[in-house]
């Protein structure tokens, strides 16, 4: 599988929340070869936590105010930033 064969986009039910609220995230992956892919969710500022960091969907709950950058890396090595 090459990077040209896979596309990734983060889908979020909202992009602005208050402290303690949850964002439901899902991966919209185009995989031309239908190869197995893996998912890794992460954030830059650690202003919250994920219910899980691997899988096609995740929930991110904020625990402090401020901006957060959520990333999704899908194998082979593709990253989408929200």
PDB file of N, CA and C in Angstrom:
ATOM      1  N   UNK A   1       0.850  -1.170   0.000  1.00  0.00           N
ATOM      2  CA  UNK A   1       0.000   0.000   0.000  1.00  0.00           C
ATOM      3  C   UNK A   1       0.896   1.234   0.000  1.00  0.00           C
ATOM      4  N   UNK A   2       0.585   2.177  -0.831  1.00  0.00           N
ATOM      5  CA  UNK A   2       1.337   3.424  -0.875  1.00  0.00           C
ATOM      6  C   UNK A   2       0.467   4.565  -0.370  1.00  0.00           C
ATOM      7  N   UNK A   3       1.095   5.687  -0.088  1.00  0.00           N
ATOM      8  CA  UNK A   3       0.353   6.850   0.400  1.00  0.00           C
ATOM      9  C   UNK A   3      -0.671   7.325  -0.628  1.00  0.00           C
ATOM     10  N   UNK A   4      -0.409   7.077  -1.915  1.00  0.00           N
ATOM     11  CA  UNK A   4      -1.349   7.484  -2.959  1.00  0.00           C
ATOM     12  C   UNK A   4      -2.618   6.640  -2.942  1.00  0.00           C
ATOM     13  N   UNK A   5      -2.559   5.455  -2.348  1.00  0.00           N
ATOM     14  CA  UNK A   5      -3.693   4.535  -2.333  1.00  0.00           C
ATOM     15  C   UNK A   5      -4.632   4.743  -1.147  1.00  0.00           C
ATOM     16  N   UNK A   6      -4.232   5.593  -0.210  1.00  0.00           N
ATOM     17  CA  UNK A   6      -5.021   5.785   1.006  1.00  0.00           C
ATOM     18  C   UNK A   6      -5.247   7.279   1.232  1.00  0.00           C
ATOM     19  N   UNK A   7      -6.481   7.644   1.598  1.00  0.00           N
ATOM     20  CA  UNK A   7      -6.793   9.013   1.991  1.00  0.00           C
ATOM     21  C   UNK A   7      -7.466   8.980   3.348  1.00  0.00           C
ATOM     22  N   UNK A   8      -7.269   9.998   4.153  1.00  0.00           N
ATOM     23  CA  UNK A   8      -7.853  10.014   5.497  1.00  0.00           C
ATOM     24  C   UNK A   8      -8.396  11.400   5.811  1.00  0.00           C
ATOM     25  N   UNK A   9      -9.541  11.409   6.489  1.00  0.00           N
ATOM     26  CA  UNK A   9     -10.154  12.656   6.941  1.00  0.00           C
ATOM     27  C   UNK A   9     -10.810  12.405   8.295  1.00  0.00           C
ATOM     28  N   UNK A  10     -10.652  13.337   9.207  1.00  0.00           N
ATOM     29  CA  UNK A  10     -11.314  13.256  10.512  1.00  0.00           C
ATOM     30  C   UNK A  10     -12.708  13.843  10.390  1.00  0.00           C
ATOM     31  N   UNK A  11     -13.697  13.133  10.901  1.00  0.00           N
ATOM     32  CA  UNK A  11     -15.065  13.628  10.971  1.00  0.00           C
ATOM     33  C   UNK A  11     -15.391  13.805  12.451  1.00  0.00           C
ATOM     34  N   UNK A  12     -15.822  15.019  12.835  1.00  0.00           N
ATOM     35  CA  UNK A  12     -16.144  15.325  14.229  1.00  0.00           C
ATOM     36  C   UNK A  12     -17.573  15.831  14.321  1.00  0.00           C
ATOM     37  N   UNK A  13     -18.282  15.428  15.383  1.00  0.00           N
ATOM     38  CA  UNK A  13     -19.668  15.893  15.526  1.00  0.00           C
ATOM     39  C   UNK A  13     -19.742  17.353  15.963  1.00  0.00           C
ATOM     40  N   UNK A  14     -18.616  17.903  16.449  1.00  0.00           N
ATOM     41  CA  UNK A  14     -18.534  19.329  16.779  1.00  0.00           C
ATOM     42  C   UNK A  14     -17.059  19.700  16.882  1.00  0.00           C
ATOM     43  N   UNK A  15     -16.762  20.971  16.728  1.00  0.00           N
ATOM     44  CA  UNK A  15     -15.371  21.418  16.799  1.00  0.00           C
ATOM     45  C   UNK A  15     -15.135  22.420  17.920  1.00  0.00           C
ATOM     46  N   UNK A  16     -16.166  22.726  18.677  1.00  0.00           N
ATOM     47  CA  UNK A  16     -16.050  23.633  19.806  1.00  0.00           C
ATOM     48  C   UNK A  16     -16.846  23.053  20.967  1.00  0.00           C
ATOM     49  N   UNK A  17     -16.193  22.918  22.115  1.00  0.00           N
ATOM     50  CA  UNK A  17     -16.853  22.358  23.301  1.00  0.00           C
ATOM     51  C   UNK A  17     -16.417  23.109  24.548  1.00  0.00           C
ATOM     52  N   UNK A  18     -17.175  22.917  25.601  1.00  0.00           N
ATOM     53  CA  UNK A  18     -16.823  23.446  26.913  1.00  0.00           C
ATOM     54  C   UNK A  18     -16.053  22.370  27.677  1.00  0.00           C
ATOM     55  N   UNK A  19     -15.345  22.782  28.712  1.00  0.00           N
ATOM     56  CA  UNK A  19     -14.591  21.838  29.535  1.00  0.00           C
ATOM     57  C   UNK A  19     -15.534  20.746  30.046  1.00  0.00           C
ATOM     58  N   UNK A  20     -15.122  19.501  29.902  1.00  0.00           N
ATOM     59  CA  UNK A  20     -15.913  18.357  30.349  1.00  0.00           C
ATOM     60  C   UNK A  20     -16.799  17.757  29.275  1.00  0.00           C
ATOM     61  N   UNK A  21     -16.945  18.450  28.145  1.00  0.00           N
ATOM     62  CA  UNK A  21     -17.762  17.917  27.060  1.00  0.00           C
ATOM     63  C   UNK A  21     -16.945  16.977  26.177  1.00  0.00           C
ATOM     64  N   UNK A  22     -17.665  16.166  25.406  1.00  0.00           N
ATOM     65  CA  UNK A  22     -17.042  15.146  24.577  1.00  0.00           C
ATOM     66  C   UNK A  22     -17.287  15.419  23.098  1.00  0.00           C
ATOM     67  N   UNK A  23     -16.253  15.172  22.300  1.00  0.00           N
ATOM     68  CA  UNK A  23     -16.340  15.235  20.843  1.00  0.00           C
ATOM     69  C   UNK A  23     -16.295  13.807  20.325  1.00  0.00           C
ATOM     70  N   UNK A  24     -17.251  13.431  19.484  1.00  0.00           N
ATOM     71  CA  UNK A  24     -17.252  12.110  18.852  1.00  0.00           C
ATOM     72  C   UNK A  24     -16.504  12.218  17.532  1.00  0.00           C
ATOM     73  N   UNK A  25     -15.479  11.389  17.373  1.00  0.00           N
ATOM     74  CA  UNK A  25     -14.616  11.434  16.205  1.00  0.00           C
ATOM     75  C   UNK A  25     -14.727  10.136  15.423  1.00  0.00           C
ATOM     76  N   UNK A  26     -14.588  10.245  14.120  1.00  0.00           N
ATOM     77  CA  UNK A  26     -14.513   9.038  13.293  1.00  0.00           C
ATOM     78  C   UNK A  26     -13.555   9.294  12.137  1.00  0.00           C
ATOM     79  N   UNK A  27     -12.991   8.219  11.629  1.00  0.00           N
ATOM     80  CA  UNK A  27     -12.058   8.297  10.517  1.00  0.00           C
ATOM     81  C   UNK A  27     -12.790   7.973   9.231  1.00  0.00           C
ATOM     82  N   UNK A  28     -12.644   8.832   8.256  1.00  0.00           N
ATOM     83  CA  UNK A  28     -13.174   8.573   6.922  1.00  0.00           C
ATOM     84  C   UNK A  28     -11.963   8.216   6.066  1.00  0.00           C
ATOM     85  N   UNK A  29     -11.769   6.915   5.823  1.00  0.00           N
ATOM     86  CA  UNK A  29     -10.572   6.432   5.145  1.00  0.00           C
ATOM     87  C   UNK A  29     -10.926   5.887   3.773  1.00  0.00           C
ATOM     88  N   UNK A  30     -10.202   6.343   2.761  1.00  0.00           N
ATOM     89  CA  UNK A  30     -10.290   5.792   1.419  1.00  0.00           C
ATOM     90  C   UNK A  30      -9.104   4.852   1.262  1.00  0.00           C
ATOM     91  N   UNK A  31      -9.389   3.601   0.975  1.00  0.00           N
ATOM     92  CA  UNK A  31      -8.349   2.581   0.922  1.00  0.00           C
ATOM     93  C   UNK A  31      -8.541   1.791  -0.369  1.00  0.00           C
ATOM     94  N   UNK A  32      -7.940   2.271  -1.457  1.00  0.00           N
ATOM     95  CA  UNK A  32      -8.159   1.679  -2.781  1.00  0.00           C
ATOM     96  C   UNK A  32      -7.826   0.192  -2.841  1.00  0.00           C
ATOM     97  N   UNK A  33      -6.762  -0.212  -2.152  1.00  0.00           N
ATOM     98  CA  UNK A  33      -6.330  -1.611  -2.201  1.00  0.00           C
ATOM     99  C   UNK A  33      -7.051  -2.504  -1.198  1.00  0.00           C
ATOM    100  N   UNK A  34      -7.875  -1.902  -0.338  1.00  0.00           N
ATOM    101  CA  UNK A  34      -8.595  -2.641   0.703  1.00  0.00           C
ATOM    102  C   UNK A  34      -7.642  -3.359   1.660  1.00  0.00           C
ATOM    103  N   UNK A  35      -6.436  -2.814   1.821  1.00  0.00           N
ATOM    104  CA  UNK A  35      -5.476  -3.379   2.767  1.00  0.00           C
ATOM    105  C   UNK A  35      -5.903  -3.048   4.190  1.00  0.00           C
ATOM    106  N   UNK A  36      -5.430  -3.835   5.122  1.00  0.00           N
ATOM    107  CA  UNK A  36      -5.717  -3.570   6.531  1.00  0.00           C
ATOM    108  C   UNK A  36      -5.002  -2.291   6.948  1.00  0.00           C
ATOM    109  N   UNK A  37      -5.701  -1.439   7.675  1.00  0.00           N
ATOM    110  CA  UNK A  37      -5.102  -0.207   8.175  1.00  0.00           C
ATOM    111  C   UNK A  37      -5.218  -0.165   9.693  1.00  0.00           C
ATOM    112  N   UNK A  38      -4.327   0.586  10.302  1.00  0.00           N
ATOM    113  CA  UNK A  38      -4.394   0.805  11.742  1.00  0.00           C
ATOM    114  C   UNK A  38      -4.598   2.298  11.984  1.00  0.00           C
ATOM    115  N   UNK A  39      -5.163   2.629  13.141  1.00  0.00           N
ATOM    116  CA  UNK A  39      -5.512   3.998  13.488  1.00  0.00           C
ATOM    117  C   UNK A  39      -4.824   4.370  14.793  1.00  0.00           C
ATOM    118  N   UNK A  40      -4.358   5.622  14.899  1.00  0.00           N
ATOM    119  CA  UNK A  40      -3.810   6.127  16.156  1.00  0.00           C
ATOM    120  C   UNK A  40      -4.249   7.576  16.325  1.00  0.00           C
ATOM    121  N   UNK A  41      -5.072   7.816  17.348  1.00  0.00           N
ATOM    122  CA  UNK A  41      -5.547   9.158  17.690  1.00  0.00           C
ATOM    123  C   UNK A  41      -4.590   9.767  18.704  1.00  0.00           C
ATOM    124  N   UNK A  42      -4.293  11.062  18.559  1.00  0.00           N
ATOM    125  CA  UNK A  42      -3.440  11.754  19.521  1.00  0.00           C
ATOM    126  C   UNK A  42      -3.816  13.237  19.547  1.00  0.00           C
ATOM    127  N   UNK A  43      -3.303  13.941  20.538  1.00  0.00           N
ATOM    128  CA  UNK A  43      -3.527  15.378  20.641  1.00  0.00           C
ATOM    129  C   UNK A  43      -2.220  16.048  21.026  1.00  0.00           C
ATOM    130  N   UNK A  44      -2.080  17.309  20.662  1.00  0.00           N
ATOM    131  CA  UNK A  44      -0.823  18.023  20.892  1.00  0.00           C
ATOM    132  C   UNK A  44      -0.712  18.631  22.282  1.00  0.00           C
ATOM    133  N   UNK A  45      -1.797  19.172  22.805  1.00  0.00           N
ATOM    134  CA  UNK A  45      -1.710  19.961  24.036  1.00  0.00           C
ATOM    135  C   UNK A  45      -2.161  19.218  25.293  1.00  0.00           C
ATOM    136  N   UNK A  46      -2.601  17.994  25.123  1.00  0.00           N
ATOM    137  CA  UNK A  46      -3.021  17.153  26.258  1.00  0.00           C
ATOM    138  C   UNK A  46      -4.061  17.826  27.140  1.00  0.00           C
ATOM    139  N   UNK A  47      -5.032  18.491  26.491  1.00  0.00           N
ATOM    140  CA  UNK A  47      -6.087  19.197  27.225  1.00  0.00           C
ATOM    141  C   UNK A  47      -7.317  18.309  27.437  1.00  0.00           C
ATOM    142  N   UNK A  48      -7.148  17.008  27.305  1.00  0.00           N
ATOM    143  CA  UNK A  48      -8.247  16.076  27.481  1.00  0.00           C
ATOM    144  C   UNK A  48      -7.766  14.656  27.284  1.00  0.00           C
ATOM    145  N   UNK A  49      -8.725  13.751  27.133  1.00  0.00           N
ATOM    146  CA  UNK A  49      -8.350  12.349  26.984  1.00  0.00           C
ATOM    147  C   UNK A  49      -9.286  11.646  26.003  1.00  0.00           C
ATOM    148  N   UNK A  50      -8.776  10.578  25.419  1.00  0.00           N
ATOM    149  CA  UNK A  50      -9.533   9.746  24.498  1.00  0.00           C
ATOM    150  C   UNK A  50     -10.076   8.534  25.245  1.00  0.00           C
ATOM    151  N   UNK A  51     -11.236   8.033  24.814  1.00  0.00           N
ATOM    152  CA  UNK A  51     -11.737   6.779  25.379  1.00  0.00           C
ATOM    153  C   UNK A  51     -10.893   5.610  24.875  1.00  0.00           C
ATOM    154  N   UNK A  52     -10.310   5.762  23.682  1.00  0.00           N
ATOM    155  CA  UNK A  52      -9.359   4.790  23.132  1.00  0.00           C
ATOM    156  C   UNK A  52      -8.532   5.531  22.089  1.00  0.00           C
ATOM    157  N   UNK A  53      -7.318   5.086  21.850  1.00  0.00           N
ATOM    158  CA  UNK A  53      -6.448   5.775  20.905  1.00  0.00           C
ATOM    159  C   UNK A  53      -6.241   4.987  19.620  1.00  0.00           C
ATOM    160  N   UNK A  54      -6.812   3.801  19.545  1.00  0.00           N
ATOM    161  CA  UNK A  54      -6.724   3.033  18.305  1.00  0.00           C
ATOM    162  C   UNK A  54      -8.119   2.593  17.911  1.00  0.00           C
ATOM    163  N   UNK A  55      -8.398   2.652  16.655  1.00  0.00           N
ATOM    164  CA  UNK A  55      -9.718   2.288  16.172  1.00  0.00           C
ATOM    165  C   UNK A  55     -10.267   3.357  15.249  1.00  0.00           C
ATOM    166  N   UNK A  56     -11.276   2.997  14.503  1.00  0.00           N
ATOM    167  CA  UNK A  56     -11.852   3.891  13.507  1.00  0.00           C
ATOM    168  C   UNK A  56     -12.621   5.053  14.134  1.00  0.00           C
ATOM    169  N   UNK A  57     -13.085   4.881  15.372  1.00  0.00           N
ATOM    170  CA  UNK A  57     -13.792   5.945  16.082  1.00  0.00           C
ATOM    171  C   UNK A  57     -13.143   6.176  17.438  1.00  0.00           C
ATOM    172  N   UNK A  58     -13.357   7.363  17.984  1.00  0.00           N
ATOM    173  CA  UNK A  58     -12.857   7.700  19.314  1.00  0.00           C
ATOM    174  C   UNK A  58     -13.698   8.830  19.875  1.00  0.00           C
ATOM    175  N   UNK A  59     -13.668   8.947  21.192  1.00  0.00           N
ATOM    176  CA  UNK A  59     -14.311  10.072  21.881  1.00  0.00           C
ATOM    177  C   UNK A  59     -13.223  10.825  22.626  1.00  0.00           C
ATOM    178  N   UNK A  60     -13.230  12.149  22.467  1.00  0.00           N
ATOM    179  CA  UNK A  60     -12.258  13.005  23.146  1.00  0.00           C
ATOM    180  C   UNK A  60     -13.009  13.895  24.116  1.00  0.00           C
ATOM    181  N   UNK A  61     -12.646  13.818  25.391  1.00  0.00           N
ATOM    182  CA  UNK A  61     -13.286  14.625  26.433  1.00  0.00           C
ATOM    183  C   UNK A  61     -12.285  15.649  26.943  1.00  0.00           C
ATOM    184  N   UNK A  62     -12.694  16.920  26.915  1.00  0.00           N
ATOM    185  CA  UNK A  62     -11.798  17.987  27.351  1.00  0.00           C
ATOM    186  C   UNK A  62     -11.750  18.058  28.877  1.00  0.00           C
ATOM    187  N   UNK A  63     -10.586  18.421  29.394  1.00  0.00           N
ATOM    188  CA  UNK A  63     -10.474  18.610  30.841  1.00  0.00           C
ATOM    189  C   UNK A  63      -9.856  19.956  31.193  1.00  0.00           C
ATOM    190  N   UNK A  64      -9.582  20.785  30.180  1.00  0.00           N
ATOM    191  CA  UNK A  64      -9.122  22.147  30.432  1.00  0.00           C
ATOM    192  C   UNK A  64      -9.470  23.024  29.237  1.00  0.00           C
ATOM    193  N   UNK A  65      -9.508  24.326  29.486  1.00  0.00           N
ATOM    194  CA  UNK A  65      -9.865  25.275  28.428  1.00  0.00           C
ATOM    195  C   UNK A  65      -8.681  25.516  27.497  1.00  0.00           C
ATOM    196  N   UNK A  66      -8.967  25.914  26.291  1.00  0.00           N
ATOM    197  CA  UNK A  66      -7.921  26.253  25.325  1.00  0.00           C
ATOM    198  C   UNK A  66      -8.095  25.488  24.038  1.00  0.00           C
ATOM    199  N   UNK A  67      -7.221  25.786  23.098  1.00  0.00           N
ATOM    200  CA  UNK A  67      -7.266  25.117  21.799  1.00  0.00           C
ATOM    201  C   UNK A  67      -6.535  23.782  21.868  1.00  0.00           C
ATOM    202  N   UNK A  68      -7.038  22.844  21.115  1.00  0.00           N
ATOM    203  CA  UNK A  68      -6.413  21.521  21.035  1.00  0.00           C
ATOM    204  C   UNK A  68      -6.316  21.126  19.575  1.00  0.00           C
ATOM    205  N   UNK A  69      -5.263  20.431  19.229  1.00  0.00           N
ATOM    206  CA  UNK A  69      -5.085  19.880  17.895  1.00  0.00           C
ATOM    207  C   UNK A  69      -5.186  18.369  18.021  1.00  0.00           C
ATOM    208  N   UNK A  70      -6.170  17.806  17.348  1.00  0.00           N
ATOM    209  CA  UNK A  70      -6.362  16.354  17.366  1.00  0.00           C
ATOM    210  C   UNK A  70      -5.806  15.797  16.072  1.00  0.00           C
ATOM    211  N   UNK A  71      -5.021  14.719  16.196  1.00  0.00           N
ATOM    212  CA  UNK A  71      -4.411  14.097  15.022  1.00  0.00           C
ATOM    213  C   UNK A  71      -4.869  12.654  14.907  1.00  0.00           C
ATOM    214  N   UNK A  72      -4.956  12.204  13.676  1.00  0.00           N
ATOM    215  CA  UNK A  72      -5.229  10.804  13.387  1.00  0.00           C
ATOM    216  C   UNK A  72      -4.180  10.327  12.413  1.00  0.00           C
ATOM    217  N   UNK A  73      -3.440   9.297  12.789  1.00  0.00           N
ATOM    218  CA  UNK A  73      -2.459   8.686  11.911  1.00  0.00           C
ATOM    219  C   UNK A  73      -2.986   7.320  11.496  1.00  0.00           C
ATOM    220  N   UNK A  74      -3.000   7.093  10.193  1.00  0.00           N
ATOM    221  CA  UNK A  74      -3.481   5.827   9.627  1.00  0.00           C
ATOM    222  C   UNK A  74      -2.318   5.217   8.862  1.00  0.00           C
ATOM    223  N   UNK A  75      -2.108   3.897   9.076  1.00  0.00           N
ATOM    224  CA  UNK A  75      -1.014   3.266   8.334  1.00  0.00           C
ATOM    225  C   UNK A  75      -1.330   3.284   6.845  1.00  0.00           C
ATOM    226  N   UNK A  76      -0.341   3.440   5.963  1.00  0.00           N
ATOM    227  CA  UNK A  76       1.077   3.293   6.228  1.00  0.00           C
ATOM    228  C   UNK A  76       1.656   4.436   7.060  1.00  0.00           C
ATOM    229  N   UNK A  77       1.510   5.678   6.750  1.00  0.00           N
ATOM    230  CA  UNK A  77       1.855   6.817   7.599  1.00  0.00           C
ATOM    231  C   UNK A  77       1.198   8.042   7.012  1.00  0.00           C
ATOM    232  N   UNK A  78      -0.055   8.221   7.310  1.00  0.00           N
ATOM    233  CA  UNK A  78      -0.813   9.375   6.839  1.00  0.00           C
ATOM    234  C   UNK A  78      -1.390  10.067   8.051  1.00  0.00           C
ATOM    235  N   UNK A  79      -1.313  11.387   8.085  1.00  0.00           N
ATOM    236  CA  UNK A  79      -1.812  12.128   9.237  1.00  0.00           C
ATOM    237  C   UNK A  79      -2.791  13.189   8.790  1.00  0.00           C
ATOM    238  N   UNK A  80      -3.935  13.251   9.474  1.00  0.00           N
ATOM    239  CA  UNK A  80      -4.941  14.295   9.267  1.00  0.00           C
ATOM    240  C   UNK A  80      -5.008  15.092  10.557  1.00  0.00           C
ATOM    241  N   UNK A  81      -5.080  16.401  10.457  1.00  0.00           N
ATOM    242  CA  UNK A  81      -5.124  17.283  11.621  1.00  0.00           C
ATOM    243  C   UNK A  81      -6.455  18.016  11.628  1.00  0.00           C
ATOM    244  N   UNK A  82      -7.097  18.055  12.802  1.00  0.00           N
ATOM    245  CA  UNK A  82      -8.362  18.767  12.963  1.00  0.00           C
ATOM    246  C   UNK A  82      -8.118  19.994  13.802  1.00  0.00           C
TER     247      UNK A  82
END
